[in-house]
Amino acid sequence: MKKNIPNFITLLNLFFGCCAIASVLYGQFVQAFWFSFASGVADYLDGACARMLKVKSPLGQQLDSLADMVSFGVAPGAVIYMLLVKGLAGNDVLPIQLTLAASPAFLITLFAAIRLANFNIDTRQTENFIGMPTPSCAIYAIGLLLIYHFDSFGLGKIVTNPVFLYLNIPVLCLLMVAGLPMFSLKFKNLAWEGNEIRFIFAAFTAVLLVFLREAAFPFIIIGHVLFSFIVYLKVSRD
């Protein structure tokens, strides 16, 4: 029974991810954000729970990847797809059939699959990441959705601009499979030593949330990429 608790939490991640996708396609964008948030919490808790209970199984690893594929692979693709539909057909439109011009959004889903498959066989990614994690891609996409919904700082029309979105798609795809080392946001302890970049980034995130509110999420992910690149350059020079 104990060994199945983390798997149950992983399945919650999958359930919330499915609900997030349905919410996006029905135009319930704030609800989609909360379901995505719940997916992220479940994704964090399943691993933490497995470590705490000292249980690990091949089944759990497979379930985790499959859940992440839906919650952080299909969901961001659906978000960008919907934003493209809004930009191409009009902000008040909900799709009643496939909009082919918006379908490139699901390239994000394809590259998320490659990213997750690589992660499963890459023994180097135990503490940090190589390439942008799929949850970061989902956070970025859902952040754009919130900016559109609330028209944060008058940016609503920009995030539905097809040119802007078409440019975002290859960038997100390439970042997920890039060879750029990216630091993990998980603290193993609260000591400053060894966690310097995490504490600095946590402070940066808090400032963005205070001043940008719901518009902060895409900039947090951009910050994570830039911070990681700076650390990579520093380590390379040393």
C-alpha atoms as a PDB file:
ATOM      1  CA  MET A   1       0.000   0.000   0.000  1.00  0.00           C
ATOM      2  CA  LYS A   2       2.752   2.433   0.986  1.00  0.00           C
ATOM      3  CA  LYS A   3       4.558   2.070  -2.346  1.00  0.00           C
ATOM      4  CA  ASN A   4       1.421   3.102  -4.256  1.00  0.00           C
ATOM      5  CA  ILE A   5       0.957   6.470  -2.497  1.00  0.00           C
ATOM      6  CA  PRO A   6       3.430   8.314  -4.799  1.00  0.00           C
ATOM      7  CA  ASN A   7       1.766   6.674  -7.835  1.00  0.00           C
ATOM      8  CA  PHE A   8      -1.622   7.949  -6.667  1.00  0.00           C
ATOM      9  CA  ILE A   9      -0.219  11.474  -6.428  1.00  0.00           C
ATOM     10  CA  THR A  10       1.265  11.078  -9.924  1.00  0.00           C
ATOM     11  CA  LEU A  11      -2.159  10.095 -11.225  1.00  0.00           C
ATOM     12  CA  LEU A  12      -3.554  13.260  -9.629  1.00  0.00           C
ATOM     13  CA  ASN A  13      -1.011  15.171 -11.698  1.00  0.00           C
ATOM     14  CA  LEU A  14      -2.395  13.457 -14.804  1.00  0.00           C
ATOM     15  CA  PHE A  15      -6.012  14.106 -13.774  1.00  0.00           C
ATOM     16  CA  PHE A  16      -5.408  17.801 -13.144  1.00  0.00           C
ATOM     17  CA  GLY A  17      -3.519  18.048 -16.447  1.00  0.00           C
ATOM     18  CA  CYS A  18      -6.494  16.613 -18.339  1.00  0.00           C
ATOM     19  CA  CYS A  19      -8.800  19.088 -16.594  1.00  0.00           C
ATOM     20  CA  ALA A  20      -6.445  21.942 -17.480  1.00  0.00           C
ATOM     21  CA  ILE A  21      -6.521  20.991 -21.170  1.00  0.00           C
ATOM     22  CA  ALA A  22     -10.339  20.774 -21.176  1.00  0.00           C
ATOM     23  CA  SER A  23     -10.540  24.145 -19.421  1.00  0.00           C
ATOM     24  CA  VAL A  24      -8.282  25.758 -22.027  1.00  0.00           C
ATOM     25  CA  LEU A  25     -10.341  24.429 -24.929  1.00  0.00           C
ATOM     26  CA  TYR A  26     -13.574  25.653 -23.312  1.00  0.00           C
ATOM     27  CA  GLY A  27     -12.127  29.104 -22.697  1.00  0.00           C
ATOM     28  CA  GLN A  28     -12.017  28.779 -18.886  1.00  0.00           C
ATOM     29  CA  PHE A  29      -8.554  30.240 -18.579  1.00  0.00           C
ATOM     30  CA  VAL A  30      -8.329  31.038 -14.869  1.00  0.00           C
ATOM     31  CA  GLN A  31      -9.635  27.555 -14.103  1.00  0.00           C
ATOM     32  CA  ALA A  32      -6.977  26.163 -16.460  1.00  0.00           C
ATOM     33  CA  PHE A  33      -4.317  28.007 -14.482  1.00  0.00           C
ATOM     34  CA  TRP A  34      -5.450  26.487 -11.186  1.00  0.00           C
ATOM     35  CA  PHE A  35      -5.585  22.991 -12.639  1.00  0.00           C
ATOM     36  CA  SER A  36      -2.082  23.473 -14.050  1.00  0.00           C
ATOM     37  CA  PHE A  37      -0.935  24.754 -10.679  1.00  0.00           C
ATOM     38  CA  ALA A  38      -2.397  21.654  -9.035  1.00  0.00           C
ATOM     39  CA  SER A  39      -0.562  19.477 -11.573  1.00  0.00           C
ATOM     40  CA  GLY A  40       2.712  21.160 -10.675  1.00  0.00           C
ATOM     41  CA  VAL A  41       2.113  20.662  -6.958  1.00  0.00           C
ATOM     42  CA  ALA A  42       1.313  16.977  -7.509  1.00  0.00           C
ATOM     43  CA  ASP A  43       4.402  16.598  -9.715  1.00  0.00           C
ATOM     44  CA  TYR A  44       6.553  17.945  -6.879  1.00  0.00           C
ATOM     45  CA  LEU A  45       4.826  15.964  -4.149  1.00  0.00           C
ATOM     46  CA  ASP A  46       5.030  12.544  -5.813  1.00  0.00           C
ATOM     47  CA  GLY A  47       8.823  12.673  -5.850  1.00  0.00           C
ATOM     48  CA  ALA A  48       9.017  14.144  -2.359  1.00  0.00           C
ATOM     49  CA  CYS A  49       6.642  11.483  -1.078  1.00  0.00           C
ATOM     50  CA  ALA A  50       8.631   8.694  -2.752  1.00  0.00           C
ATOM     51  CA  ARG A  51      11.834   9.940  -1.131  1.00  0.00           C
ATOM     52  CA  MET A  52      10.200  10.298   2.267  1.00  0.00           C
ATOM     53  CA  LEU A  53       8.676   6.805   2.147  1.00  0.00           C
ATOM     54  CA  LYS A  54      11.864   5.409   0.543  1.00  0.00           C
ATOM     55  CA  VAL A  55       9.927   3.745  -2.248  1.00  0.00           C
ATOM     56  CA  LYS A  56      10.914   3.709  -5.918  1.00  0.00           C
ATOM     57  CA  SER A  57       9.652   1.560  -8.744  1.00  0.00           C
ATOM     58  CA  PRO A  58       9.914   1.340 -12.551  1.00  0.00           C
ATOM     59  CA  LEU A  59       6.131   1.697 -12.677  1.00  0.00           C
ATOM     60  CA  GLY A  60       6.313   4.980 -10.805  1.00  0.00           C
ATOM     61  CA  GLN A  61       8.960   6.325 -13.174  1.00  0.00           C
ATOM     62  CA  GLN A  62       6.870   5.442 -16.217  1.00  0.00           C
ATOM     63  CA  LEU A  63       3.701   6.918 -14.719  1.00  0.00           C
ATOM     64  CA  ASP A  64       5.557  10.121 -13.892  1.00  0.00           C
ATOM     65  CA  SER A  65       6.701  10.582 -17.486  1.00  0.00           C
ATOM     66  CA  LEU A  66       3.268   9.796 -18.908  1.00  0.00           C
ATOM     67  CA  ALA A  67       1.581  12.241 -16.523  1.00  0.00           C
ATOM     68  CA  ASP A  68       4.145  14.941 -17.328  1.00  0.00           C
ATOM     69  CA  MET A  69       3.603  14.366 -21.043  1.00  0.00           C
ATOM     70  CA  VAL A  70      -0.058  15.334 -20.663  1.00  0.00           C
ATOM     71  CA  SER A  71       0.201  18.034 -17.996  1.00  0.00           C
ATOM     72  CA  PHE A  72       3.369  19.723 -19.289  1.00  0.00           C
ATOM     73  CA  GLY A  73       3.472  18.596 -22.918  1.00  0.00           C
ATOM     74  CA  VAL A  74      -0.067  18.519 -24.298  1.00  0.00           C
ATOM     75  CA  ALA A  75      -1.329  21.325 -22.040  1.00  0.00           C
ATOM     76  CA  PRO A  76       1.141  24.046 -23.176  1.00  0.00           C
ATOM     77  CA  GLY A  77       0.548  23.014 -26.780  1.00  0.00           C
ATOM     78  CA  ALA A  78      -3.185  23.484 -26.223  1.00  0.00           C
ATOM     79  CA  VAL A  79      -2.590  26.874 -24.605  1.00  0.00           C
ATOM     80  CA  ILE A  80      -0.495  28.214 -27.499  1.00  0.00           C
ATOM     81  CA  TYR A  81      -2.996  26.695 -29.944  1.00  0.00           C
ATOM     82  CA  MET A  82      -5.862  28.575 -28.269  1.00  0.00           C
ATOM     83  CA  LEU A  83      -3.915  31.843 -28.174  1.00  0.00           C
ATOM     84  CA  LEU A  84      -3.186  31.451 -31.885  1.00  0.00           C
ATOM     85  CA  VAL A  85      -6.875  30.812 -32.592  1.00  0.00           C
ATOM     86  CA  LYS A  86      -7.690  33.994 -30.696  1.00  0.00           C
ATOM     87  CA  GLY A  87      -5.134  35.952 -32.701  1.00  0.00           C
ATOM     88  CA  LEU A  88      -6.097  34.489 -36.061  1.00  0.00           C
ATOM     89  CA  ALA A  89      -9.881  34.357 -35.765  1.00  0.00           C
ATOM     90  CA  GLY A  90     -10.721  37.028 -33.205  1.00  0.00           C
ATOM     91  CA  ASN A  91     -10.525  37.301 -29.446  1.00  0.00           C
ATOM     92  CA  ASP A  92     -14.164  36.392 -28.874  1.00  0.00           C
ATOM     93  CA  VAL A  93     -13.986  33.188 -30.895  1.00  0.00           C
ATOM     94  CA  LEU A  94     -13.904  29.690 -29.441  1.00  0.00           C
ATOM     95  CA  PRO A  95     -12.925  26.998 -31.985  1.00  0.00           C
ATOM     96  CA  ILE A  96     -15.596  24.610 -33.201  1.00  0.00           C
ATOM     97  CA  GLN A  97     -13.210  22.805 -35.543  1.00  0.00           C
ATOM     98  CA  LEU A  98      -9.467  22.402 -35.969  1.00  0.00           C
ATOM     99  CA  THR A  99      -7.720  25.607 -36.993  1.00  0.00           C
ATOM    100  CA  LEU A 100      -4.849  24.334 -39.136  1.00  0.00           C
ATOM    101  CA  ALA A 101      -2.986  27.635 -38.996  1.00  0.00           C
ATOM    102  CA  ALA A 102      -2.806  27.234 -35.209  1.00  0.00           C
ATOM    103  CA  SER A 103      -1.761  23.575 -35.269  1.00  0.00           C
ATOM    104  CA  PRO A 104       2.022  24.320 -35.214  1.00  0.00           C
ATOM    105  CA  ALA A 105       1.464  25.000 -31.523  1.00  0.00           C
ATOM    106  CA  PHE A 106       1.538  21.240 -30.990  1.00  0.00           C
ATOM    107  CA  LEU A 107       5.154  21.108 -32.080  1.00  0.00           C
ATOM    108  CA  ILE A 108       5.689  22.037 -28.444  1.00  0.00           C
ATOM    109  CA  THR A 109       4.007  18.767 -27.494  1.00  0.00           C
ATOM    110  CA  LEU A 110       6.252  16.784 -29.832  1.00  0.00           C
ATOM    111  CA  PHE A 111       9.417  18.330 -28.431  1.00  0.00           C
ATOM    112  CA  ALA A 112       8.145  17.808 -24.891  1.00  0.00           C
ATOM    113  CA  ALA A 113       7.921  14.094 -25.741  1.00  0.00           C
ATOM    114  CA  ILE A 114      11.540  14.146 -26.976  1.00  0.00           C
ATOM    115  CA  ARG A 115      12.589  16.047 -23.852  1.00  0.00           C
ATOM    116  CA  LEU A 116      10.924  13.543 -21.500  1.00  0.00           C
ATOM    117  CA  ALA A 117      12.273  10.540 -23.397  1.00  0.00           C
ATOM    118  CA  ASN A 118      15.803  11.970 -23.240  1.00  0.00           C
ATOM    119  CA  PHE A 119      15.390  12.701 -19.540  1.00  0.00           C
ATOM    120  CA  ASN A 120      14.477   9.072 -18.863  1.00  0.00           C
ATOM    121  CA  ILE A 121      17.686   7.748 -20.411  1.00  0.00           C
ATOM    122  CA  ASP A 122      20.080  10.585 -19.480  1.00  0.00           C
ATOM    123  CA  THR A 123      21.945   9.666 -16.288  1.00  0.00           C
ATOM    124  CA  ARG A 124      23.443  13.170 -16.026  1.00  0.00           C
ATOM    125  CA  GLN A 125      20.153  14.817 -15.011  1.00  0.00           C
ATOM    126  CA  THR A 126      19.957  13.666 -11.413  1.00  0.00           C
ATOM    127  CA  GLU A 127      20.304  17.014  -9.608  1.00  0.00           C
ATOM    128  CA  ASN A 128      20.105  19.628 -12.355  1.00  0.00           C
ATOM    129  CA  PHE A 129      18.647  19.675 -15.853  1.00  0.00           C
ATOM    130  CA  ILE A 130      20.007  19.785 -19.367  1.00  0.00           C
ATOM    131  CA  GLY A 131      17.536  21.797 -21.409  1.00  0.00           C
ATOM    132  CA  MET A 132      14.396  23.472 -20.168  1.00  0.00           C
ATOM    133  CA  PRO A 133      12.149  21.146 -18.111  1.00  0.00           C
ATOM    134  CA  THR A 134       8.649  20.586 -19.448  1.00  0.00           C
ATOM    135  CA  PRO A 135       6.975  22.142 -16.355  1.00  0.00           C
ATOM    136  CA  SER A 136       8.816  25.383 -17.159  1.00  0.00           C
ATOM    137  CA  CYS A 137       7.378  25.309 -20.677  1.00  0.00           C
ATOM    138  CA  ALA A 138       3.895  24.830 -19.215  1.00  0.00           C
ATOM    139  CA  ILE A 139       4.385  27.698 -16.742  1.00  0.00           C
ATOM    140  CA  TYR A 140       5.489  29.992 -19.558  1.00  0.00           C
ATOM    141  CA  ALA A 141       2.496  29.095 -21.726  1.00  0.00           C
ATOM    142  CA  ILE A 142      -0.081  29.360 -18.949  1.00  0.00           C
ATOM    143  CA  GLY A 143       1.468  32.702 -17.999  1.00  0.00           C
ATOM    144  CA  LEU A 144       0.788  34.002 -21.511  1.00  0.00           C
ATOM    145  CA  LEU A 145      -2.784  32.781 -21.128  1.00  0.00           C
ATOM    146  CA  LEU A 146      -3.216  34.763 -17.902  1.00  0.00           C
ATOM    147  CA  ILE A 147      -1.767  37.877 -19.541  1.00  0.00           C
ATOM    148  CA  TYR A 148      -4.331  37.497 -22.316  1.00  0.00           C
ATOM    149  CA  HIS A 149      -7.220  36.865 -19.931  1.00  0.00           C
ATOM    150  CA  PHE A 150      -6.491  39.847 -17.670  1.00  0.00           C
ATOM    151  CA  ASP A 151      -4.940  41.999 -20.416  1.00  0.00           C
ATOM    152  CA  SER A 152      -2.092  42.591 -17.970  1.00  0.00           C
ATOM    153  CA  PHE A 153      -0.361  45.935 -18.592  1.00  0.00           C
ATOM    154  CA  GLY A 154      -2.145  46.117 -21.935  1.00  0.00           C
ATOM    155  CA  LEU A 155      -0.214  43.097 -23.260  1.00  0.00           C
ATOM    156  CA  GLY A 156      -3.278  41.013 -24.128  1.00  0.00           C
ATOM    157  CA  LYS A 157      -3.114  41.736 -27.864  1.00  0.00           C
ATOM    158  CA  ILE A 158       0.616  41.074 -28.014  1.00  0.00           C
ATOM    159  CA  VAL A 159       0.376  37.538 -26.601  1.00  0.00           C
ATOM    160  CA  THR A 160      -2.279  36.633 -29.202  1.00  0.00           C
ATOM    161  CA  ASN A 161      -0.317  38.158 -32.054  1.00  0.00           C
ATOM    162  CA  PRO A 162       0.387  35.267 -34.470  1.00  0.00           C
ATOM    163  CA  VAL A 163       3.892  36.522 -35.292  1.00  0.00           C
ATOM    164  CA  PHE A 164       4.787  36.638 -31.590  1.00  0.00           C
ATOM    165  CA  LEU A 165       3.403  33.152 -31.012  1.00  0.00           C
ATOM    166  CA  TYR A 166       4.958  31.616 -34.128  1.00  0.00           C
ATOM    167  CA  LEU A 167       8.327  32.939 -32.934  1.00  0.00           C
ATOM    168  CA  ASN A 168       7.755  31.508 -29.462  1.00  0.00           C
ATOM    169  CA  ILE A 169       7.059  27.990 -30.728  1.00  0.00           C
ATOM    170  CA  PRO A 170      10.545  27.161 -32.102  1.00  0.00           C
ATOM    171  CA  VAL A 171      12.227  28.882 -29.155  1.00  0.00           C
ATOM    172  CA  LEU A 172      10.332  26.763 -26.620  1.00  0.00           C
ATOM    173  CA  CYS A 173      10.906  23.611 -28.673  1.00  0.00           C
ATOM    174  CA  LEU A 174      14.643  24.186 -28.978  1.00  0.00           C
ATOM    175  CA  LEU A 175      15.081  25.142 -25.336  1.00  0.00           C
ATOM    176  CA  MET A 176      13.563  21.832 -24.234  1.00  0.00           C
ATOM    177  CA  VAL A 177      16.114  19.810 -26.213  1.00  0.00           C
ATOM    178  CA  ALA A 178      19.058  22.199 -25.965  1.00  0.00           C
ATOM    179  CA  GLY A 179      22.304  21.212 -24.271  1.00  0.00           C
ATOM    180  CA  LEU A 180      22.117  24.173 -21.879  1.00  0.00           C
ATOM    181  CA  PRO A 181      22.562  23.068 -18.240  1.00  0.00           C
ATOM    182  CA  MET A 182      19.807  24.549 -16.066  1.00  0.00           C
ATOM    183  CA  PHE A 183      19.873  24.563 -12.284  1.00  0.00           C
ATOM    184  CA  SER A 184      17.133  22.759 -10.389  1.00  0.00           C
ATOM    185  CA  LEU A 185      14.851  24.863  -8.191  1.00  0.00           C
ATOM    186  CA  LYS A 186      14.671  22.198  -5.480  1.00  0.00           C
ATOM    187  CA  PHE A 187      16.454  23.012  -2.216  1.00  0.00           C
ATOM    188  CA  LYS A 188      18.081  20.027  -0.507  1.00  0.00           C
ATOM    189  CA  ASN A 189      18.674  22.154   2.595  1.00  0.00           C
ATOM    190  CA  LEU A 190      18.412  25.801   3.636  1.00  0.00           C
ATOM    191  CA  ALA A 191      22.138  26.479   3.788  1.00  0.00           C
ATOM    192  CA  TRP A 192      23.437  29.359   1.661  1.00  0.00           C
ATOM    193  CA  GLU A 193      26.449  27.399   0.456  1.00  0.00           C
ATOM    194  CA  GLY A 194      25.539  25.335  -2.561  1.00  0.00           C
ATOM    195  CA  ASN A 195      22.163  27.086  -2.901  1.00  0.00           C
ATOM    196  CA  GLU A 196      23.349  30.600  -3.751  1.00  0.00           C
ATOM    197  CA  ILE A 197      21.803  30.708  -7.216  1.00  0.00           C
ATOM    198  CA  ARG A 198      18.537  29.227  -5.907  1.00  0.00           C
ATOM    199  CA  PHE A 199      18.196  31.859  -3.173  1.00  0.00           C
ATOM    200  CA  ILE A 200      18.975  34.673  -5.607  1.00  0.00           C
ATOM    201  CA  PHE A 201      16.494  33.315  -8.125  1.00  0.00           C
ATOM    202  CA  ALA A 202      13.847  32.861  -5.395  1.00  0.00           C
ATOM    203  CA  ALA A 203      14.231  36.538  -4.474  1.00  0.00           C
ATOM    204  CA  PHE A 204      14.029  37.496  -8.162  1.00  0.00           C
ATOM    205  CA  THR A 205      10.825  35.431  -8.495  1.00  0.00           C
ATOM    206  CA  ALA A 206       9.258  37.042  -5.425  1.00  0.00           C
ATOM    207  CA  VAL A 207       9.961  40.544  -6.771  1.00  0.00           C
ATOM    208  CA  LEU A 208       8.390  39.687 -10.129  1.00  0.00           C
ATOM    209  CA  LEU A 209       5.290  38.237  -8.474  1.00  0.00           C
ATOM    210  CA  VAL A 210       4.839  41.323  -6.318  1.00  0.00           C
ATOM    211  CA  PHE A 211       5.193  43.831  -9.143  1.00  0.00           C
ATOM    212  CA  LEU A 212       3.858  41.906 -12.154  1.00  0.00           C
ATOM    213  CA  ARG A 213       1.318  39.619 -10.411  1.00  0.00           C
ATOM    214  CA  GLU A 214      -0.231  37.183 -12.911  1.00  0.00           C
ATOM    215  CA  ALA A 215       2.002  38.533 -15.685  1.00  0.00           C
ATOM    216  CA  ALA A 216       5.113  37.379 -13.835  1.00  0.00           C
ATOM    217  CA  PHE A 217       5.146  33.740 -14.904  1.00  0.00           C
ATOM    218  CA  PRO A 218       6.625  34.054 -18.424  1.00  0.00           C
ATOM    219  CA  PHE A 219       9.295  36.423 -17.111  1.00  0.00           C
ATOM    220  CA  ILE A 220      10.160  34.003 -14.305  1.00  0.00           C
ATOM    221  CA  ILE A 221      10.877  31.306 -16.889  1.00  0.00           C
ATOM    222  CA  ILE A 222      12.874  33.724 -19.052  1.00  0.00           C
ATOM    223  CA  GLY A 223      14.813  34.623 -15.900  1.00  0.00           C
ATOM    224  CA  HIS A 224      15.483  30.955 -15.160  1.00  0.00           C
ATOM    225  CA  VAL A 225      16.919  30.448 -18.644  1.00  0.00           C
ATOM    226  CA  LEU A 226      19.085  33.590 -18.414  1.00  0.00           C
ATOM    227  CA  PHE A 227      20.310  32.788 -14.889  1.00  0.00           C
ATOM    228  CA  SER A 228      21.217  29.273 -16.025  1.00  0.00           C
ATOM    229  CA  PHE A 229      23.069  30.629 -19.055  1.00  0.00           C
ATOM    230  CA  ILE A 230      25.058  33.044 -16.860  1.00  0.00           C
ATOM    231  CA  VAL A 231      25.975  30.236 -14.460  1.00  0.00           C
ATOM    232  CA  TYR A 232      26.980  28.059 -17.432  1.00  0.00           C
ATOM    233  CA  LEU A 233      29.258  30.788 -18.787  1.00  0.00           C
ATOM    234  CA  LYS A 234      30.817  31.317 -15.360  1.00  0.00           C
ATOM    235  CA  VAL A 235      31.474  27.598 -14.860  1.00  0.00           C
ATOM    236  CA  SER A 236      32.877  27.287 -18.391  1.00  0.00           C
ATOM    237  CA  ARG A 237      35.346  30.118 -17.790  1.00  0.00           C
ATOM    238  CA  ASP A 238      36.435  28.662 -14.439  1.00  0.00           C
END
